[in-house]
Amino acid sequence: MTYQDDLRTRAMRALNSITAAEATDIYALSFLVDNEDDDPRQPVLTIGYNTEKQFRRSIADASDEAEARWNYAFWLQNELTVIGDRARDPGGAAARHRWISELGLWYDEPADSADWTATVGPLAAQIEAHFHQTCVQLAQHLHDSGVLEGAIGRHKPVIVHELEYHEAIARRTEAANPPGLADGFTTWVRAG
């Protein structure tokens, strides 16, 4: 099984755990990408969602309705699954390590900080780029295969993001979704 297959299996299992009652209120899914312990070799994907009910609750605390709808800080921050966390998903973490090694990008922590910039910096950037692309492809697959529609009853955008928003987040989210599906999110990111 490839790393991408492993991600698909874990994501499908998580999405299939959504109850019918939950599904009716979901307006977007979250693919939060973060590095465990700030280590670029340890990217983790947390899959969750937000609901119209949570959006309405958050409006009073946000600067405007768009921020309440799209800023993850106001979301439920639920965790359908956390893929690759060493403590919570050791199998996923091991699969990720094998994948990064197969890509030829695994590195050991340098003893000298001067080696970090010259050696590790480029490898870390490549790991990040590959992981983000893999998450985009995962979202595309979940749309194309009908898994998302089957889990929540209709197409909704998958937001592929970090804790901060920037143009690359908007581009990844556009690529992850059918044309136009994530326009509300990408418009908000680009206006910020």
N, C-alpha and C. Protein backbone atom coordinates (compact mmCIF):
# COMPACT_ATOMS: atom_id res chain seq x y z
N MET A 1 0.85 -1.18 0.00
CA MET A 1 0.00 0.00 0.00
C MET A 1 0.89 1.24 0.00
N THR A 2 0.60 2.19 -0.88
CA THR A 2 1.36 3.43 -0.94
C THR A 2 0.92 4.36 0.18
N TYR A 3 1.72 5.38 0.40
CA TYR A 3 1.37 6.37 1.41
C TYR A 3 0.05 7.06 1.06
N GLN A 4 -0.14 7.37 -0.22
CA GLN A 4 -1.38 8.00 -0.67
C GLN A 4 -2.57 7.08 -0.42
N ASP A 5 -2.41 5.78 -0.65
CA ASP A 5 -3.48 4.82 -0.37
C ASP A 5 -3.81 4.80 1.12
N ASP A 6 -2.76 4.85 1.95
CA ASP A 6 -2.96 4.85 3.40
C ASP A 6 -3.75 6.10 3.82
N LEU A 7 -3.38 7.26 3.27
CA LEU A 7 -4.11 8.49 3.59
C LEU A 7 -5.57 8.38 3.16
N ARG A 8 -5.80 7.85 1.97
CA ARG A 8 -7.17 7.71 1.48
C ARG A 8 -8.00 6.83 2.39
N THR A 9 -7.43 5.71 2.80
CA THR A 9 -8.15 4.78 3.67
C THR A 9 -8.51 5.44 4.99
N ARG A 10 -7.56 6.15 5.58
CA ARG A 10 -7.80 6.80 6.87
C ARG A 10 -8.82 7.94 6.72
N ALA A 11 -8.70 8.70 5.63
CA ALA A 11 -9.64 9.80 5.41
C ALA A 11 -11.05 9.28 5.16
N MET A 12 -11.18 8.24 4.36
CA MET A 12 -12.51 7.68 4.08
C MET A 12 -13.15 7.14 5.35
N ARG A 13 -12.36 6.48 6.18
CA ARG A 13 -12.87 5.96 7.45
C ARG A 13 -13.37 7.12 8.32
N ALA A 14 -12.63 8.20 8.35
CA ALA A 14 -13.02 9.36 9.16
C ALA A 14 -14.31 9.98 8.62
N LEU A 15 -14.38 10.19 7.32
CA LEU A 15 -15.56 10.81 6.73
C LEU A 15 -16.80 9.94 6.88
N ASN A 16 -16.61 8.64 6.82
CA ASN A 16 -17.74 7.73 6.98
C ASN A 16 -18.25 7.69 8.42
N SER A 17 -17.49 8.25 9.35
CA SER A 17 -17.94 8.30 10.75
C SER A 17 -18.89 9.47 11.02
N ILE A 18 -19.06 10.36 10.05
CA ILE A 18 -19.97 11.50 10.22
C ILE A 18 -21.40 11.00 10.20
N THR A 19 -22.16 11.37 11.21
CA THR A 19 -23.56 10.94 11.27
C THR A 19 -24.41 11.78 10.32
N ALA A 20 -25.57 11.26 9.97
CA ALA A 20 -26.48 11.98 9.08
C ALA A 20 -26.89 13.31 9.70
N ALA A 21 -27.10 13.33 11.00
CA ALA A 21 -27.49 14.58 11.68
C ALA A 21 -26.40 15.63 11.58
N GLU A 22 -25.14 15.22 11.75
CA GLU A 22 -24.02 16.15 11.62
C GLU A 22 -23.90 16.65 10.18
N ALA A 23 -24.03 15.73 9.24
CA ALA A 23 -23.78 16.03 7.83
C ALA A 23 -24.66 17.15 7.30
N THR A 24 -25.88 17.24 7.76
CA THR A 24 -26.81 18.24 7.21
C THR A 24 -26.37 19.66 7.51
N ASP A 25 -25.56 19.87 8.54
CA ASP A 25 -25.17 21.23 8.94
C ASP A 25 -23.75 21.60 8.50
N ILE A 26 -23.01 20.68 7.92
CA ILE A 26 -21.62 20.94 7.50
C ILE A 26 -21.60 21.81 6.25
N TYR A 27 -20.75 22.86 6.26
CA TYR A 27 -20.59 23.68 5.07
C TYR A 27 -19.18 23.61 4.49
N ALA A 28 -18.22 23.10 5.25
CA ALA A 28 -16.85 22.97 4.74
C ALA A 28 -16.09 21.95 5.58
N LEU A 29 -15.13 21.31 4.93
CA LEU A 29 -14.23 20.38 5.60
C LEU A 29 -12.87 21.04 5.75
N SER A 30 -12.18 20.67 6.80
CA SER A 30 -10.85 21.20 7.09
C SER A 30 -9.81 20.11 6.93
N PHE A 31 -8.79 20.41 6.14
CA PHE A 31 -7.57 19.61 6.08
C PHE A 31 -6.48 20.50 6.67
N LEU A 32 -6.34 20.44 7.98
CA LEU A 32 -5.33 21.25 8.67
C LEU A 32 -3.99 20.53 8.60
N VAL A 33 -2.99 21.20 8.05
CA VAL A 33 -1.64 20.66 7.93
C VAL A 33 -0.75 21.39 8.94
N ASP A 34 -0.10 20.61 9.78
CA ASP A 34 0.78 21.19 10.79
C ASP A 34 1.94 20.22 11.01
N ASN A 35 3.06 20.74 11.46
CA ASN A 35 4.22 19.89 11.75
C ASN A 35 4.28 19.60 13.23
N GLU A 36 4.28 18.32 13.56
CA GLU A 36 4.41 17.92 14.96
C GLU A 36 5.76 18.40 15.49
N ASP A 37 5.74 19.03 16.66
CA ASP A 37 6.95 19.57 17.30
C ASP A 37 7.71 20.53 16.39
N ASP A 38 7.01 21.21 15.46
CA ASP A 38 7.62 22.13 14.50
C ASP A 38 8.72 21.46 13.67
N ASP A 39 8.62 20.17 13.49
CA ASP A 39 9.62 19.41 12.74
C ASP A 39 9.08 19.16 11.33
N PRO A 40 9.72 19.71 10.30
CA PRO A 40 9.23 19.55 8.93
C PRO A 40 9.18 18.10 8.46
N ARG A 41 9.88 17.20 9.16
CA ARG A 41 9.83 15.78 8.82
C ARG A 41 8.59 15.10 9.39
N GLN A 42 7.81 15.84 10.18
CA GLN A 42 6.66 15.26 10.88
C GLN A 42 5.35 15.97 10.52
N PRO A 43 5.02 16.12 9.22
CA PRO A 43 3.75 16.77 8.90
C PRO A 43 2.57 15.88 9.31
N VAL A 44 1.55 16.53 9.84
CA VAL A 44 0.36 15.85 10.33
C VAL A 44 -0.85 16.46 9.63
N LEU A 45 -1.79 15.61 9.24
CA LEU A 45 -3.04 16.06 8.64
C LEU A 45 -4.17 15.80 9.62
N THR A 46 -4.87 16.86 10.01
CA THR A 46 -6.05 16.74 10.87
C THR A 46 -7.27 17.06 10.02
N ILE A 47 -8.19 16.12 9.95
CA ILE A 47 -9.41 16.30 9.17
C ILE A 47 -10.57 16.59 10.11
N GLY A 48 -11.27 17.67 9.82
CA GLY A 48 -12.44 18.07 10.60
C GLY A 48 -13.44 18.79 9.71
N TYR A 49 -14.35 19.49 10.32
CA TYR A 49 -15.35 20.24 9.55
C TYR A 49 -15.90 21.37 10.40
N ASN A 50 -16.65 22.24 9.74
CA ASN A 50 -17.38 23.27 10.48
C ASN A 50 -18.84 23.24 10.04
N THR A 51 -19.68 23.78 10.92
CA THR A 51 -21.13 23.74 10.70
C THR A 51 -21.71 25.14 10.65
N GLU A 52 -22.88 25.23 10.06
CA GLU A 52 -23.61 26.51 10.03
C GLU A 52 -23.92 26.97 11.46
N LYS A 53 -24.24 26.04 12.33
CA LYS A 53 -24.54 26.39 13.72
C LYS A 53 -23.33 27.05 14.39
N GLN A 54 -22.14 26.47 14.20
CA GLN A 54 -20.92 27.05 14.78
C GLN A 54 -20.63 28.41 14.15
N PHE A 55 -20.82 28.52 12.84
CA PHE A 55 -20.63 29.80 12.16
C PHE A 55 -21.51 30.88 12.79
N ARG A 56 -22.80 30.60 12.97
CA ARG A 56 -23.72 31.59 13.56
C ARG A 56 -23.31 31.97 14.98
N ARG A 57 -22.83 30.97 15.75
CA ARG A 57 -22.37 31.24 17.12
C ARG A 57 -21.15 32.16 17.13
N SER A 58 -20.32 32.08 16.10
CA SER A 58 -19.04 32.79 16.07
C SER A 58 -19.12 34.21 15.54
N ILE A 59 -20.20 34.57 14.91
CA ILE A 59 -20.29 35.89 14.27
C ILE A 59 -20.01 37.02 15.25
N ALA A 60 -20.56 36.94 16.43
CA ALA A 60 -20.40 38.02 17.42
C ALA A 60 -18.94 38.20 17.84
N ASP A 61 -18.14 37.13 17.77
CA ASP A 61 -16.74 37.20 18.21
C ASP A 61 -15.76 37.54 17.09
N ALA A 62 -16.22 37.50 15.86
CA ALA A 62 -15.35 37.76 14.72
C ALA A 62 -15.48 39.20 14.26
N SER A 63 -14.54 39.62 13.41
CA SER A 63 -14.59 40.99 12.89
C SER A 63 -15.72 41.17 11.88
N ASP A 64 -16.08 40.08 11.19
CA ASP A 64 -17.20 40.11 10.25
C ASP A 64 -17.65 38.68 9.98
N GLU A 65 -18.70 38.53 9.19
CA GLU A 65 -19.24 37.20 8.92
C GLU A 65 -18.27 36.32 8.14
N ALA A 66 -17.52 36.91 7.22
CA ALA A 66 -16.56 36.11 6.44
C ALA A 66 -15.48 35.52 7.34
N GLU A 67 -15.00 36.30 8.30
CA GLU A 67 -14.00 35.76 9.22
C GLU A 67 -14.61 34.65 10.06
N ALA A 68 -15.82 34.83 10.54
CA ALA A 68 -16.48 33.79 11.33
C ALA A 68 -16.66 32.51 10.51
N ARG A 69 -16.93 32.66 9.23
CA ARG A 69 -17.16 31.49 8.37
C ARG A 69 -15.87 30.78 7.99
N TRP A 70 -14.79 31.53 7.71
CA TRP A 70 -13.62 30.91 7.11
C TRP A 70 -12.38 30.83 7.99
N ASN A 71 -12.28 31.59 9.04
CA ASN A 71 -11.09 31.54 9.88
C ASN A 71 -11.19 30.35 10.84
N TYR A 72 -10.26 29.45 10.73
CA TYR A 72 -10.25 28.22 11.54
C TYR A 72 -10.31 28.51 13.04
N ALA A 73 -9.84 29.66 13.45
CA ALA A 73 -9.89 30.02 14.87
C ALA A 73 -11.32 30.01 15.41
N PHE A 74 -12.30 30.20 14.53
CA PHE A 74 -13.70 30.24 14.94
C PHE A 74 -14.43 28.92 14.67
N TRP A 75 -13.74 27.95 14.13
CA TRP A 75 -14.36 26.68 13.79
C TRP A 75 -14.48 25.76 15.01
N LEU A 76 -15.18 24.67 14.83
CA LEU A 76 -15.32 23.67 15.89
C LEU A 76 -13.97 23.10 16.31
N GLN A 77 -13.07 22.98 15.35
CA GLN A 77 -11.75 22.38 15.55
C GLN A 77 -11.89 20.95 16.06
N ASN A 78 -12.86 20.27 15.50
CA ASN A 78 -13.05 18.86 15.81
C ASN A 78 -12.01 18.04 15.05
N GLU A 79 -11.84 16.83 15.45
CA GLU A 79 -10.82 15.98 14.84
C GLU A 79 -11.47 14.66 14.46
N LEU A 80 -11.89 14.55 13.21
CA LEU A 80 -12.40 13.26 12.74
C LEU A 80 -11.26 12.24 12.75
N THR A 81 -10.09 12.71 12.38
CA THR A 81 -8.89 11.89 12.44
C THR A 81 -7.67 12.81 12.45
N VAL A 82 -6.61 12.33 13.05
CA VAL A 82 -5.32 13.02 13.06
C VAL A 82 -4.32 12.02 12.48
N ILE A 83 -3.92 12.26 11.24
CA ILE A 83 -3.10 11.30 10.51
C ILE A 83 -1.62 11.67 10.63
N GLY A 84 -0.85 10.76 11.20
CA GLY A 84 0.60 10.95 11.27
C GLY A 84 1.14 11.41 12.61
N ASP A 85 0.28 11.69 13.57
CA ASP A 85 0.74 12.07 14.90
C ASP A 85 1.42 10.86 15.53
N ARG A 86 2.64 11.03 16.00
CA ARG A 86 3.41 9.89 16.49
C ARG A 86 2.75 9.20 17.68
N ALA A 87 2.10 9.96 18.57
CA ALA A 87 1.46 9.34 19.74
C ALA A 87 0.09 8.77 19.40
N ARG A 88 -0.71 9.50 18.63
CA ARG A 88 -2.09 9.10 18.36
C ARG A 88 -2.24 8.21 17.14
N ASP A 89 -1.28 8.25 16.23
CA ASP A 89 -1.35 7.47 15.01
C ASP A 89 0.05 6.96 14.63
N PRO A 90 0.61 6.08 15.47
CA PRO A 90 1.97 5.61 15.18
C PRO A 90 2.10 4.91 13.83
N GLY A 91 1.05 4.21 13.39
CA GLY A 91 1.09 3.56 12.08
C GLY A 91 1.18 4.58 10.96
N GLY A 92 0.41 5.65 11.07
CA GLY A 92 0.47 6.72 10.08
C GLY A 92 1.80 7.45 10.10
N ALA A 93 2.36 7.62 11.31
CA ALA A 93 3.67 8.28 11.42
C ALA A 93 4.76 7.42 10.78
N ALA A 94 4.68 6.10 10.97
CA ALA A 94 5.66 5.20 10.36
C ALA A 94 5.51 5.21 8.84
N ALA A 95 4.27 5.22 8.35
CA ALA A 95 4.04 5.27 6.90
C ALA A 95 4.59 6.56 6.31
N ARG A 96 4.39 7.66 7.02
CA ARG A 96 4.91 8.95 6.55
C ARG A 96 6.44 8.92 6.50
N HIS A 97 7.08 8.36 7.53
CA HIS A 97 8.54 8.26 7.56
C HIS A 97 9.05 7.45 6.37
N ARG A 98 8.41 6.32 6.07
CA ARG A 98 8.81 5.51 4.92
C ARG A 98 8.65 6.30 3.63
N TRP A 99 7.55 7.03 3.50
CA TRP A 99 7.27 7.81 2.30
C TRP A 99 8.33 8.88 2.09
N ILE A 100 8.65 9.63 3.14
CA ILE A 100 9.67 10.68 3.02
C ILE A 100 11.03 10.06 2.68
N SER A 101 11.32 8.92 3.28
CA SER A 101 12.58 8.23 2.98
C SER A 101 12.61 7.76 1.53
N GLU A 102 11.48 7.20 1.04
CA GLU A 102 11.41 6.75 -0.35
C GLU A 102 11.58 7.92 -1.33
N LEU A 103 11.14 9.11 -0.92
CA LEU A 103 11.33 10.29 -1.75
C LEU A 103 12.79 10.77 -1.73
N GLY A 104 13.59 10.21 -0.83
CA GLY A 104 14.98 10.62 -0.70
C GLY A 104 15.15 11.93 0.05
N LEU A 105 14.16 12.26 0.89
CA LEU A 105 14.17 13.56 1.57
C LEU A 105 14.40 13.46 3.08
N TRP A 106 14.45 12.25 3.63
CA TRP A 106 14.65 12.14 5.08
C TRP A 106 16.06 12.60 5.42
N TYR A 107 16.19 13.28 6.53
CA TYR A 107 17.50 13.76 6.98
C TYR A 107 17.58 13.61 8.48
N ASP A 108 18.82 13.54 8.98
CA ASP A 108 19.05 13.54 10.42
C ASP A 108 19.31 14.98 10.84
N GLU A 109 18.95 15.28 12.05
CA GLU A 109 19.13 16.63 12.58
C GLU A 109 20.63 16.97 12.57
N PRO A 110 21.02 18.08 11.92
CA PRO A 110 22.45 18.42 11.86
C PRO A 110 22.98 18.89 13.22
N ALA A 111 24.21 18.56 13.49
CA ALA A 111 24.84 18.97 14.74
C ALA A 111 25.21 20.45 14.71
N ASP A 112 25.54 20.95 13.54
CA ASP A 112 25.98 22.32 13.37
C ASP A 112 24.84 23.14 12.76
N SER A 113 24.51 24.27 13.37
CA SER A 113 23.40 25.08 12.87
C SER A 113 23.69 25.65 11.48
N ALA A 114 24.94 25.79 11.11
CA ALA A 114 25.27 26.27 9.77
C ALA A 114 24.83 25.25 8.71
N ASP A 115 24.85 23.97 9.08
CA ASP A 115 24.41 22.93 8.15
C ASP A 115 22.90 22.98 7.92
N TRP A 116 22.19 23.55 8.86
CA TRP A 116 20.73 23.61 8.74
C TRP A 116 20.31 24.35 7.47
N THR A 117 20.81 25.56 7.30
CA THR A 117 20.40 26.36 6.15
C THR A 117 20.84 25.74 4.84
N ALA A 118 22.06 25.24 4.79
CA ALA A 118 22.58 24.71 3.53
C ALA A 118 22.00 23.35 3.18
N THR A 119 21.79 22.51 4.16
CA THR A 119 21.40 21.13 3.89
C THR A 119 19.93 20.87 4.17
N VAL A 120 19.50 21.19 5.36
CA VAL A 120 18.16 20.80 5.79
C VAL A 120 17.08 21.72 5.24
N GLY A 121 17.34 23.00 5.14
CA GLY A 121 16.33 23.94 4.65
C GLY A 121 15.70 23.51 3.33
N PRO A 122 16.51 23.20 2.31
CA PRO A 122 15.93 22.77 1.04
C PRO A 122 15.16 21.45 1.15
N LEU A 123 15.64 20.51 1.96
CA LEU A 123 14.93 19.24 2.13
C LEU A 123 13.59 19.46 2.83
N ALA A 124 13.60 20.30 3.85
CA ALA A 124 12.36 20.60 4.58
C ALA A 124 11.33 21.23 3.65
N ALA A 125 11.76 22.13 2.80
CA ALA A 125 10.84 22.78 1.85
C ALA A 125 10.26 21.77 0.87
N GLN A 126 11.07 20.81 0.45
CA GLN A 126 10.59 19.78 -0.47
C GLN A 126 9.59 18.85 0.21
N ILE A 127 9.86 18.49 1.46
CA ILE A 127 8.92 17.65 2.21
C ILE A 127 7.58 18.38 2.32
N GLU A 128 7.64 19.65 2.68
CA GLU A 128 6.41 20.44 2.81
C GLU A 128 5.65 20.48 1.49
N ALA A 129 6.33 20.73 0.41
CA ALA A 129 5.68 20.81 -0.90
C ALA A 129 5.04 19.47 -1.28
N HIS A 130 5.74 18.38 -1.06
CA HIS A 130 5.19 17.05 -1.37
C HIS A 130 3.98 16.75 -0.49
N PHE A 131 4.05 17.08 0.79
CA PHE A 131 2.94 16.77 1.69
C PHE A 131 1.70 17.59 1.32
N HIS A 132 1.89 18.87 1.06
CA HIS A 132 0.75 19.70 0.65
C HIS A 132 0.13 19.17 -0.64
N GLN A 133 0.96 18.82 -1.61
CA GLN A 133 0.44 18.29 -2.87
C GLN A 133 -0.32 16.99 -2.64
N THR A 134 0.18 16.16 -1.75
CA THR A 134 -0.49 14.90 -1.44
C THR A 134 -1.85 15.16 -0.79
N CYS A 135 -1.94 16.18 0.06
CA CYS A 135 -3.23 16.54 0.69
C CYS A 135 -4.20 17.08 -0.35
N VAL A 136 -3.72 17.88 -1.28
CA VAL A 136 -4.56 18.38 -2.38
C VAL A 136 -5.08 17.21 -3.20
N GLN A 137 -4.20 16.28 -3.54
CA GLN A 137 -4.61 15.11 -4.32
C GLN A 137 -5.61 14.25 -3.55
N LEU A 138 -5.44 14.15 -2.25
CA LEU A 138 -6.39 13.41 -1.42
C LEU A 138 -7.77 14.04 -1.51
N ALA A 139 -7.84 15.35 -1.37
CA ALA A 139 -9.13 16.05 -1.46
C ALA A 139 -9.75 15.85 -2.85
N GLN A 140 -8.93 15.96 -3.89
CA GLN A 140 -9.44 15.74 -5.25
C GLN A 140 -10.03 14.34 -5.38
N HIS A 141 -9.30 13.36 -4.87
CA HIS A 141 -9.77 11.97 -4.94
C HIS A 141 -11.10 11.81 -4.19
N LEU A 142 -11.21 12.40 -3.02
CA LEU A 142 -12.44 12.27 -2.23
C LEU A 142 -13.62 12.91 -2.96
N HIS A 143 -13.38 14.00 -3.67
CA HIS A 143 -14.43 14.60 -4.50
C HIS A 143 -14.76 13.69 -5.68
N ASP A 144 -13.73 13.33 -6.45
CA ASP A 144 -13.91 12.59 -7.70
C ASP A 144 -14.53 11.21 -7.48
N SER A 145 -14.19 10.57 -6.37
CA SER A 145 -14.68 9.22 -6.11
C SER A 145 -16.08 9.20 -5.51
N GLY A 146 -16.58 10.38 -5.13
CA GLY A 146 -17.91 10.45 -4.52
C GLY A 146 -17.92 10.21 -3.03
N VAL A 147 -16.75 10.03 -2.42
CA VAL A 147 -16.69 9.76 -0.98
C VAL A 147 -17.24 10.95 -0.19
N LEU A 148 -16.84 12.17 -0.56
CA LEU A 148 -17.33 13.34 0.17
C LEU A 148 -18.85 13.48 0.05
N GLU A 149 -19.32 13.36 -1.15
CA GLU A 149 -20.77 13.48 -1.36
C GLU A 149 -21.52 12.38 -0.61
N GLY A 150 -20.95 11.18 -0.60
CA GLY A 150 -21.58 10.09 0.13
C GLY A 150 -21.59 10.32 1.63
N ALA A 151 -20.53 10.93 2.15
CA ALA A 151 -20.41 11.14 3.60
C ALA A 151 -21.27 12.29 4.10
N ILE A 152 -21.38 13.36 3.30
CA ILE A 152 -22.14 14.52 3.81
C ILE A 152 -23.31 14.90 2.91
N GLY A 153 -23.58 14.09 1.90
CA GLY A 153 -24.79 14.27 1.12
C GLY A 153 -24.71 15.27 -0.02
N ARG A 154 -23.62 16.00 -0.13
CA ARG A 154 -23.47 16.98 -1.20
C ARG A 154 -22.00 17.42 -1.25
N HIS A 155 -21.64 18.10 -2.32
CA HIS A 155 -20.26 18.60 -2.44
C HIS A 155 -20.11 19.84 -1.56
N LYS A 156 -19.07 19.83 -0.76
CA LYS A 156 -18.70 20.98 0.06
C LYS A 156 -17.20 21.17 -0.07
N PRO A 157 -16.70 22.40 0.10
CA PRO A 157 -15.27 22.62 -0.10
C PRO A 157 -14.41 21.97 0.98
N VAL A 158 -13.24 21.53 0.54
CA VAL A 158 -12.20 21.06 1.46
C VAL A 158 -11.18 22.18 1.54
N ILE A 159 -11.00 22.73 2.72
CA ILE A 159 -10.03 23.82 2.93
C ILE A 159 -8.71 23.18 3.34
N VAL A 160 -7.69 23.28 2.49
CA VAL A 160 -6.36 22.73 2.78
C VAL A 160 -5.56 23.90 3.34
N HIS A 161 -5.29 23.86 4.64
CA HIS A 161 -4.76 25.08 5.27
C HIS A 161 -3.78 24.78 6.40
N GLU A 162 -3.19 25.85 6.87
CA GLU A 162 -2.34 25.87 8.05
C GLU A 162 -3.05 26.78 9.05
N LEU A 163 -2.38 27.20 10.08
CA LEU A 163 -3.01 28.10 11.05
C LEU A 163 -3.00 29.55 10.58
N GLU A 164 -2.14 29.87 9.62
CA GLU A 164 -2.12 31.20 9.02
C GLU A 164 -2.52 31.08 7.56
N TYR A 165 -3.12 32.15 7.04
CA TYR A 165 -3.63 32.13 5.67
C TYR A 165 -2.78 33.02 4.77
N HIS A 166 -2.55 32.54 3.54
CA HIS A 166 -1.77 33.28 2.55
C HIS A 166 -2.14 32.76 1.18
N GLU A 167 -1.57 33.34 0.15
CA GLU A 167 -1.92 33.00 -1.22
C GLU A 167 -1.74 31.52 -1.54
N ALA A 168 -0.69 30.90 -1.02
CA ALA A 168 -0.47 29.48 -1.30
C ALA A 168 -1.62 28.63 -0.76
N ILE A 169 -2.19 29.02 0.36
CA ILE A 169 -3.35 28.31 0.93
C ILE A 169 -4.54 28.43 -0.02
N ALA A 170 -4.76 29.63 -0.54
CA ALA A 170 -5.86 29.83 -1.49
C ALA A 170 -5.65 28.98 -2.74
N ARG A 171 -4.44 28.94 -3.26
CA ARG A 171 -4.16 28.16 -4.48
C ARG A 171 -4.34 26.66 -4.22
N ARG A 172 -3.85 26.17 -3.09
CA ARG A 172 -4.01 24.75 -2.77
C ARG A 172 -5.49 24.38 -2.62
N THR A 173 -6.23 25.25 -1.97
CA THR A 173 -7.65 24.97 -1.76
C THR A 173 -8.40 24.99 -3.09
N GLU A 174 -8.06 25.92 -3.97
CA GLU A 174 -8.67 25.92 -5.30
C GLU A 174 -8.38 24.62 -6.03
N ALA A 175 -7.14 24.17 -5.96
CA ALA A 175 -6.74 22.95 -6.66
C ALA A 175 -7.41 21.71 -6.07
N ALA A 176 -7.71 21.75 -4.78
CA ALA A 176 -8.28 20.59 -4.09
C ALA A 176 -9.75 20.37 -4.39
N ASN A 177 -10.41 21.38 -4.95
CA ASN A 177 -11.86 21.34 -5.10
C ASN A 177 -12.29 21.53 -6.55
N PRO A 178 -13.49 21.09 -6.89
CA PRO A 178 -14.03 21.40 -8.22
C PRO A 178 -14.09 22.93 -8.41
N PRO A 179 -13.98 23.40 -9.65
CA PRO A 179 -13.97 24.85 -9.91
C PRO A 179 -15.14 25.57 -9.24
N GLY A 180 -14.79 26.65 -8.54
CA GLY A 180 -15.79 27.52 -7.92
C GLY A 180 -16.27 27.09 -6.55
N LEU A 181 -16.05 25.84 -6.16
CA LEU A 181 -16.61 25.34 -4.91
C LEU A 181 -16.04 26.05 -3.67
N ALA A 182 -14.79 26.45 -3.73
CA ALA A 182 -14.15 27.09 -2.58
C ALA A 182 -13.99 28.60 -2.75
N ASP A 183 -14.75 29.21 -3.67
CA ASP A 183 -14.60 30.64 -3.95
C ASP A 183 -14.82 31.53 -2.73
N GLY A 184 -15.76 31.17 -1.87
CA GLY A 184 -15.98 31.99 -0.67
C GLY A 184 -14.73 32.06 0.19
N PHE A 185 -14.08 30.93 0.39
CA PHE A 185 -12.85 30.88 1.18
C PHE A 185 -11.71 31.62 0.49
N THR A 186 -11.47 31.34 -0.78
CA THR A 186 -10.34 31.95 -1.46
C THR A 186 -10.51 33.46 -1.60
N THR A 187 -11.73 33.91 -1.79
CA THR A 187 -11.99 35.36 -1.84
C THR A 187 -11.65 36.00 -0.50
N TRP A 188 -12.03 35.34 0.60
CA TRP A 188 -11.73 35.86 1.94
C TRP A 188 -10.23 35.91 2.18
N VAL A 189 -9.51 34.85 1.82
CA VAL A 189 -8.05 34.83 2.02
C VAL A 189 -7.40 35.96 1.24
N ARG A 190 -7.79 36.12 -0.01
CA ARG A 190 -7.15 37.14 -0.86
C ARG A 190 -7.53 38.55 -0.47
N ALA A 191 -8.64 38.73 0.20
CA ALA A 191 -9.05 40.07 0.65
C ALA A 191 -8.29 40.48 1.90
N GLY A 192 -7.76 39.48 2.63
CA GLY A 192 -7.07 39.75 3.89
C GLY A 192 -5.72 40.25 3.67
